[in-house]
Amino acid sequence: MRPWIASAIAVATGFLATAVASIATDQAMHATGVFPSVPQVMADPLFALAAAYRAIFTVAGGYITARLAPDRPMRHAWLLAGIGLAAGLASLIAYYGDGRAALGPAWYAISIPVEAIPCVWLGGRLGTWHRSLARTPRAHGNRP
């Protein structure tokens, strides 16, 4: 496989993992009654819950990207962070361009692009650290 294809797969997989996990969790929260049905506006604590699990999924996306990267895992994580930032800014523009109340409070709309870079960075660092552990030779049979 060509390196640029492996790089694209690593970044796309991290992005899709974050997006799919976020959307699936949103749907599960609505289906189980934790979040109200779609026409109703959620209370701020529920938006805080959504922001928290989205942050966790964003860290996981950075981790996945770094683990799958063929080389320079943090460079791949930074690419994912840029894509996440762009997507978050697009949602922020949609928030201010369309019906604000339907999309939640302003702090939530702002939190999405703000958390993209630090969360992906953390996931990338964890993935890089895990890669280095996987490459560290282990002593076999040496017990204290």
Protein backbone atom coordinates (compact mmCIF):
# COMPACT_ATOMS: atom_id res chain seq x y z
CA MET A 1 0.00 0.00 0.00
CA ARG A 2 1.28 3.45 -0.83
CA PRO A 3 2.16 5.59 2.19
CA TRP A 4 -0.26 8.38 1.30
CA ILE A 5 -3.12 5.88 1.11
CA ALA A 6 -2.22 4.47 4.54
CA SER A 7 -2.04 8.03 5.87
CA ALA A 8 -5.45 8.91 4.44
CA ILE A 9 -6.92 5.71 5.89
CA ALA A 10 -5.47 6.50 9.35
CA VAL A 11 -6.91 10.03 9.41
CA ALA A 12 -10.26 9.01 7.89
CA THR A 13 -10.63 6.13 10.34
CA GLY A 14 -10.01 8.43 13.31
CA PHE A 15 -12.52 10.95 11.97
CA LEU A 16 -15.16 8.33 11.22
CA ALA A 17 -14.69 6.64 14.60
CA THR A 18 -15.29 9.97 16.33
CA ALA A 19 -18.30 10.87 14.19
CA VAL A 20 -19.95 7.45 14.29
CA ALA A 21 -19.48 7.09 18.05
CA SER A 22 -20.88 10.59 18.66
CA ILE A 23 -23.92 10.10 16.43
CA ALA A 24 -24.62 6.59 17.76
CA THR A 25 -24.41 7.79 21.36
CA ASP A 26 -26.70 10.74 20.58
CA GLN A 27 -29.23 8.33 19.09
CA ALA A 28 -28.95 5.94 22.04
CA MET A 29 -29.45 8.81 24.48
CA HIS A 30 -32.59 9.89 22.64
CA ALA A 31 -33.88 6.30 22.32
CA THR A 32 -33.43 5.56 26.02
CA GLY A 33 -35.03 8.81 27.14
CA VAL A 34 -31.87 10.33 28.64
CA PHE A 35 -32.17 13.09 26.02
CA PRO A 36 -35.63 14.41 25.15
CA SER A 37 -37.18 13.76 21.75
CA VAL A 38 -35.74 15.84 18.89
CA PRO A 39 -38.21 18.75 18.78
CA GLN A 40 -37.61 19.52 22.47
CA VAL A 41 -34.60 21.56 23.56
CA MET A 42 -32.27 19.85 26.05
CA ALA A 43 -31.25 21.38 29.37
CA ASP A 44 -27.67 22.62 29.82
CA PRO A 45 -26.57 19.61 31.95
CA LEU A 46 -27.50 17.29 29.08
CA PHE A 47 -25.45 19.40 26.68
CA ALA A 48 -22.57 19.13 29.17
CA LEU A 49 -22.95 15.35 29.09
CA ALA A 50 -22.90 15.41 25.27
CA ALA A 51 -19.81 17.65 25.26
CA ALA A 52 -18.07 15.25 27.69
CA TYR A 53 -18.65 12.10 25.67
CA ARG A 54 -17.78 13.91 22.43
CA ALA A 55 -14.48 14.94 24.02
CA ILE A 56 -13.78 11.31 24.97
CA PHE A 57 -14.63 10.15 21.45
CA THR A 58 -12.37 12.87 20.02
CA VAL A 59 -9.48 11.63 22.17
CA ALA A 60 -10.22 8.12 20.88
CA GLY A 61 -10.18 9.38 17.29
CA GLY A 62 -6.73 10.92 17.83
CA TYR A 63 -5.53 7.68 19.40
CA ILE A 64 -6.82 5.57 16.50
CA THR A 65 -5.24 7.90 13.97
CA ALA A 66 -1.85 7.79 15.71
CA ARG A 67 -1.95 4.00 16.05
CA LEU A 68 -2.84 3.48 12.38
CA ALA A 69 -0.43 6.08 10.97
CA PRO A 70 2.31 4.47 8.88
CA ASP A 71 4.85 6.97 10.26
CA ARG A 72 4.93 10.29 12.16
CA PRO A 73 1.78 9.60 14.19
CA MET A 74 1.51 13.10 15.65
CA ARG A 75 1.57 14.63 12.18
CA HIS A 76 -1.45 12.50 11.35
CA ALA A 77 -3.12 13.49 14.61
CA TRP A 78 -2.56 17.17 13.75
CA LEU A 79 -4.22 16.60 10.38
CA LEU A 80 -7.20 15.07 12.15
CA ALA A 81 -7.26 17.98 14.61
CA GLY A 82 -7.38 20.42 11.69
CA ILE A 83 -10.27 18.53 10.13
CA GLY A 84 -12.07 18.44 13.49
CA LEU A 85 -11.49 22.15 13.97
CA ALA A 86 -12.86 22.90 10.49
CA ALA A 87 -15.92 20.72 11.11
CA GLY A 88 -16.47 22.34 14.50
CA LEU A 89 -16.17 25.83 13.01
CA ALA A 90 -18.67 24.85 10.31
CA SER A 91 -21.12 23.79 13.02
CA LEU A 92 -20.49 27.05 14.86
CA ILE A 93 -21.24 29.02 11.68
CA ALA A 94 -24.42 26.97 11.25
CA TYR A 95 -25.34 27.76 14.86
CA TYR A 96 -25.08 31.50 14.32
CA GLY A 97 -26.52 31.32 10.80
CA ASP A 98 -29.61 29.28 11.64
CA GLY A 99 -32.03 28.87 14.52
CA ARG A 100 -29.80 29.02 17.58
CA ALA A 101 -32.24 27.49 20.04
CA ALA A 102 -32.66 24.32 17.98
CA LEU A 103 -28.93 23.65 18.10
CA GLY A 104 -28.40 24.23 21.81
CA PRO A 105 -26.69 26.87 23.92
CA ALA A 106 -23.90 29.00 22.50
CA TRP A 107 -21.30 27.54 24.92
CA TYR A 108 -21.97 24.07 23.49
CA ALA A 109 -21.58 25.24 19.88
CA ILE A 110 -18.31 26.95 20.84
CA SER A 111 -17.05 23.90 22.77
CA ILE A 112 -17.02 21.66 19.69
CA PRO A 113 -14.21 23.44 17.76
CA VAL A 114 -12.44 24.46 20.99
CA GLU A 115 -12.06 20.88 22.20
CA ALA A 116 -10.96 19.51 18.81
CA ILE A 117 -7.27 20.37 19.05
CA PRO A 118 -6.51 19.46 22.69
CA CYS A 119 -8.56 16.26 22.59
CA VAL A 120 -7.03 15.00 19.33
CA TRP A 121 -3.58 16.01 20.60
CA LEU A 122 -4.12 13.97 23.80
CA GLY A 123 -5.32 10.97 21.80
CA GLY A 124 -2.37 11.31 19.43
CA ARG A 125 0.08 11.43 22.34
CA LEU A 126 -1.53 8.36 23.92
CA GLY A 127 -1.39 6.54 20.58
CA THR A 128 2.25 7.51 20.07
CA TRP A 129 3.08 6.36 23.60
CA HIS A 130 1.29 3.06 23.04
CA ARG A 131 3.16 2.58 19.74
CA SER A 132 6.48 3.07 21.52
CA LEU A 133 5.48 0.55 24.21
CA ALA A 134 4.58 -1.98 21.54
CA ARG A 135 8.05 -1.61 20.03
CA THR A 136 9.93 -1.88 23.33
CA PRO A 137 11.60 -5.29 23.64
CA ARG A 138 10.34 -7.25 26.62
CA ALA A 139 12.49 -9.46 28.78
CA HIS A 140 11.15 -13.03 28.71
CA GLY A 141 11.69 -15.36 31.58
CA ASN A 142 13.36 -12.79 33.85
CA ARG A 143 11.30 -12.77 37.01
CA PRO A 144 12.47 -11.11 40.21
